[in-house]
C-alpha atoms as a PDB file:
ATOM      1  CA  UNK A   1       0.000   0.000   0.000  1.00  0.00           C
ATOM      2  CA  UNK A   2       1.224   3.470  -0.926  1.00  0.00           C
ATOM      3  CA  UNK A   3       2.055   5.759   2.047  1.00  0.00           C
ATOM      4  CA  UNK A   4      -0.573   8.292   0.943  1.00  0.00           C
ATOM      5  CA  UNK A   5      -3.184   5.513   0.953  1.00  0.00           C
ATOM      6  CA  UNK A   6      -2.026   4.491   4.435  1.00  0.00           C
ATOM      7  CA  UNK A   7      -2.366   8.072   5.706  1.00  0.00           C
ATOM      8  CA  UNK A   8      -5.826   8.369   4.131  1.00  0.00           C
ATOM      9  CA  UNK A   9      -6.868   5.081   5.765  1.00  0.00           C
ATOM     10  CA  UNK A  10      -5.588   6.232   9.179  1.00  0.00           C
ATOM     11  CA  UNK A  11      -7.450   9.539   8.928  1.00  0.00           C
ATOM     12  CA  UNK A  12     -10.688   7.992   7.680  1.00  0.00           C
ATOM     13  CA  UNK A  13     -10.520   5.100  10.167  1.00  0.00           C
ATOM     14  CA  UNK A  14     -10.241   7.221  13.321  1.00  0.00           C
ATOM     15  CA  UNK A  15     -12.748   9.924  14.291  1.00  0.00           C
ATOM     16  CA  UNK A  16     -10.061  11.766  16.289  1.00  0.00           C
ATOM     17  CA  UNK A  17      -6.453  11.265  15.210  1.00  0.00           C
ATOM     18  CA  UNK A  18      -3.364  13.124  16.382  1.00  0.00           C
ATOM     19  CA  UNK A  19      -0.131  12.952  14.443  1.00  0.00           C
ATOM     20  CA  UNK A  20       2.473  13.869  17.030  1.00  0.00           C
ATOM     21  CA  UNK A  21       6.081  13.496  18.108  1.00  0.00           C
ATOM     22  CA  UNK A  22       6.127  10.725  20.695  1.00  0.00           C
ATOM     23  CA  UNK A  23       3.142   9.193  22.475  1.00  0.00           C
ATOM     24  CA  UNK A  24       0.421  10.825  24.594  1.00  0.00           C
ATOM     25  CA  UNK A  25       2.036   9.542  27.796  1.00  0.00           C
ATOM     26  CA  UNK A  26       5.537  10.539  26.595  1.00  0.00           C
ATOM     27  CA  UNK A  27       5.408  13.449  24.121  1.00  0.00           C
ATOM     28  CA  UNK A  28       8.745  14.263  22.502  1.00  0.00           C
ATOM     29  CA  UNK A  29       8.183  17.995  21.987  1.00  0.00           C
ATOM     30  CA  UNK A  30       6.429  20.813  23.799  1.00  0.00           C
ATOM     31  CA  UNK A  31       3.934  21.419  20.998  1.00  0.00           C
ATOM     32  CA  UNK A  32       2.827  17.778  21.047  1.00  0.00           C
ATOM     33  CA  UNK A  33       2.640  17.894  24.858  1.00  0.00           C
ATOM     34  CA  UNK A  34       0.353  20.953  24.847  1.00  0.00           C
ATOM     35  CA  UNK A  35      -1.882  19.487  22.149  1.00  0.00           C
ATOM     36  CA  UNK A  36      -2.200  16.174  24.005  1.00  0.00           C
ATOM     37  CA  UNK A  37      -3.051  18.032  27.232  1.00  0.00           C
ATOM     38  CA  UNK A  38      -5.889  19.923  25.506  1.00  0.00           C
ATOM     39  CA  UNK A  39      -7.207  16.701  23.960  1.00  0.00           C
ATOM     40  CA  UNK A  40      -6.995  14.737  27.210  1.00  0.00           C
ATOM     41  CA  UNK A  41      -8.977  17.434  29.008  1.00  0.00           C
ATOM     42  CA  UNK A  42     -11.837  16.705  26.578  1.00  0.00           C
ATOM     43  CA  UNK A  43     -12.109  13.275  28.238  1.00  0.00           C
ATOM     44  CA  UNK A  44     -12.560  11.258  25.049  1.00  0.00           C
ATOM     45  CA  UNK A  45     -10.476   8.538  23.457  1.00  0.00           C
ATOM     46  CA  UNK A  46      -8.309   9.492  20.492  1.00  0.00           C
ATOM     47  CA  UNK A  47      -5.876   7.690  18.233  1.00  0.00           C
ATOM     48  CA  UNK A  48      -2.353   8.872  17.592  1.00  0.00           C
ATOM     49  CA  UNK A  49       0.556   8.201  15.274  1.00  0.00           C
ATOM     50  CA  UNK A  50       4.120   8.878  16.408  1.00  0.00           C
ATOM     51  CA  UNK A  51       5.749  10.565  13.412  1.00  0.00           C
ATOM     52  CA  UNK A  52       9.220  10.056  14.907  1.00  0.00           C
ATOM     53  CA  UNK A  53       8.883   6.272  14.622  1.00  0.00           C
ATOM     54  CA  UNK A  54       7.086   6.539  11.257  1.00  0.00           C
ATOM     55  CA  UNK A  55       9.475   8.521   9.022  1.00  0.00           C
ATOM     56  CA  UNK A  56       7.415   7.903   5.866  1.00  0.00           C
ATOM     57  CA  UNK A  57       4.345   9.406   7.522  1.00  0.00           C
ATOM     58  CA  UNK A  58       6.437  12.293   8.832  1.00  0.00           C
ATOM     59  CA  UNK A  59       7.770  12.988   5.325  1.00  0.00           C
ATOM     60  CA  UNK A  60       4.444  12.695   3.473  1.00  0.00           C
ATOM     61  CA  UNK A  61       1.706  13.923   5.831  1.00  0.00           C
ATOM     62  CA  UNK A  62       2.584  17.611   5.285  1.00  0.00           C
ATOM     63  CA  UNK A  63       1.865  17.078   1.560  1.00  0.00           C
ATOM     64  CA  UNK A  64      -1.340  15.166   2.274  1.00  0.00           C
ATOM     65  CA  UNK A  65      -2.878  17.808   4.528  1.00  0.00           C
ATOM     66  CA  UNK A  66      -1.047  20.830   3.123  1.00  0.00           C
ATOM     67  CA  UNK A  67       0.135  21.576   6.677  1.00  0.00           C
ATOM     68  CA  UNK A  68       3.907  21.709   7.243  1.00  0.00           C
ATOM     69  CA  UNK A  69       4.296  21.091  10.965  1.00  0.00           C
ATOM     70  CA  UNK A  70       3.494  18.619  13.740  1.00  0.00           C
ATOM     71  CA  UNK A  71       1.401  17.928  15.690  1.00  0.00           C
ATOM     72  CA  UNK A  72      -1.627  17.710  13.420  1.00  0.00           C
ATOM     73  CA  UNK A  73      -5.118  17.029  14.763  1.00  0.00           C
ATOM     74  CA  UNK A  74      -7.635  15.434  12.416  1.00  0.00           C
ATOM     75  CA  UNK A  75     -11.314  15.122  13.382  1.00  0.00           C
ATOM     76  CA  UNK A  76     -13.794  13.242  11.194  1.00  0.00           C
ATOM     77  CA  UNK A  77     -11.381  13.295   8.268  1.00  0.00           C
ATOM     78  CA  UNK A  78     -10.771  17.054   8.441  1.00  0.00           C
ATOM     79  CA  UNK A  79      -7.561  18.761   9.495  1.00  0.00           C
ATOM     80  CA  UNK A  80      -8.285  20.929  12.540  1.00  0.00           C
ATOM     81  CA  UNK A  81      -4.756  22.284  12.838  1.00  0.00           C
ATOM     82  CA  UNK A  82      -1.644  22.248  14.950  1.00  0.00           C
ATOM     83  CA  UNK A  83      -0.754  23.147  18.516  1.00  0.00           C
ATOM     84  CA  UNK A  84      -1.685  26.843  18.441  1.00  0.00           C
ATOM     85  CA  UNK A  85      -5.086  26.265  16.837  1.00  0.00           C
ATOM     86  CA  UNK A  86      -5.945  23.329  19.120  1.00  0.00           C
ATOM     87  CA  UNK A  87      -4.915  25.129  22.314  1.00  0.00           C
ATOM     88  CA  UNK A  88      -6.800  28.287  21.279  1.00  0.00           C
ATOM     89  CA  UNK A  89      -9.908  26.234  20.506  1.00  0.00           C
ATOM     90  CA  UNK A  90      -9.574  24.536  23.897  1.00  0.00           C
ATOM     91  CA  UNK A  91      -9.238  27.872  25.714  1.00  0.00           C
ATOM     92  CA  UNK A  92     -12.319  29.242  23.907  1.00  0.00           C
ATOM     93  CA  UNK A  93     -14.360  26.124  24.707  1.00  0.00           C
ATOM     94  CA  UNK A  94     -14.605  25.079  21.043  1.00  0.00           C
ATOM     95  CA  UNK A  95     -12.539  21.887  21.203  1.00  0.00           C
ATOM     96  CA  UNK A  96     -14.723  19.977  23.679  1.00  0.00           C
ATOM     97  CA  UNK A  97     -17.923  20.037  21.563  1.00  0.00           C
ATOM     98  CA  UNK A  98     -15.969  19.141  18.414  1.00  0.00           C
ATOM     99  CA  UNK A  99     -14.381  16.101  20.081  1.00  0.00           C
ATOM    100  CA  UNK A 100     -17.592  15.085  21.889  1.00  0.00           C
ATOM    101  CA  UNK A 101     -19.500  15.138  18.608  1.00  0.00           C
ATOM    102  CA  UNK A 102     -16.841  13.057  16.857  1.00  0.00           C
ATOM    103  CA  UNK A 103     -16.552  10.438  19.621  1.00  0.00           C
ATOM    104  CA  UNK A 104     -19.920   9.024  20.702  1.00  0.00           C
ATOM    105  CA  UNK A 105     -20.575   8.015  24.289  1.00  0.00           C
ATOM    106  CA  UNK A 106     -18.976   4.664  25.067  1.00  0.00           C
ATOM    107  CA  UNK A 107     -21.336   1.892  26.025  1.00  0.00           C
END
């Protein structure tokens, strides 16, 4: 499978997906750490891909989403943005409803 197809499948297969440096419990950069913190405060499950351990994703995702930096938050197949956008949305109370709508209540 082509890397662009893999990225598309990841984005379409996860309602909330964060491409980040490291893992949520061990972020490898401050921007990823702040983005994870905002997401975790929403209290919903989310998927992630560590771009440091996936160099092909790291090299090609910026072309796929036309967004040059990491982290990248994708919700329902749409690019929300990076650290600054996500943290601003969280501070304004806009992130919680977006995530809650994307991730239904767990049974």
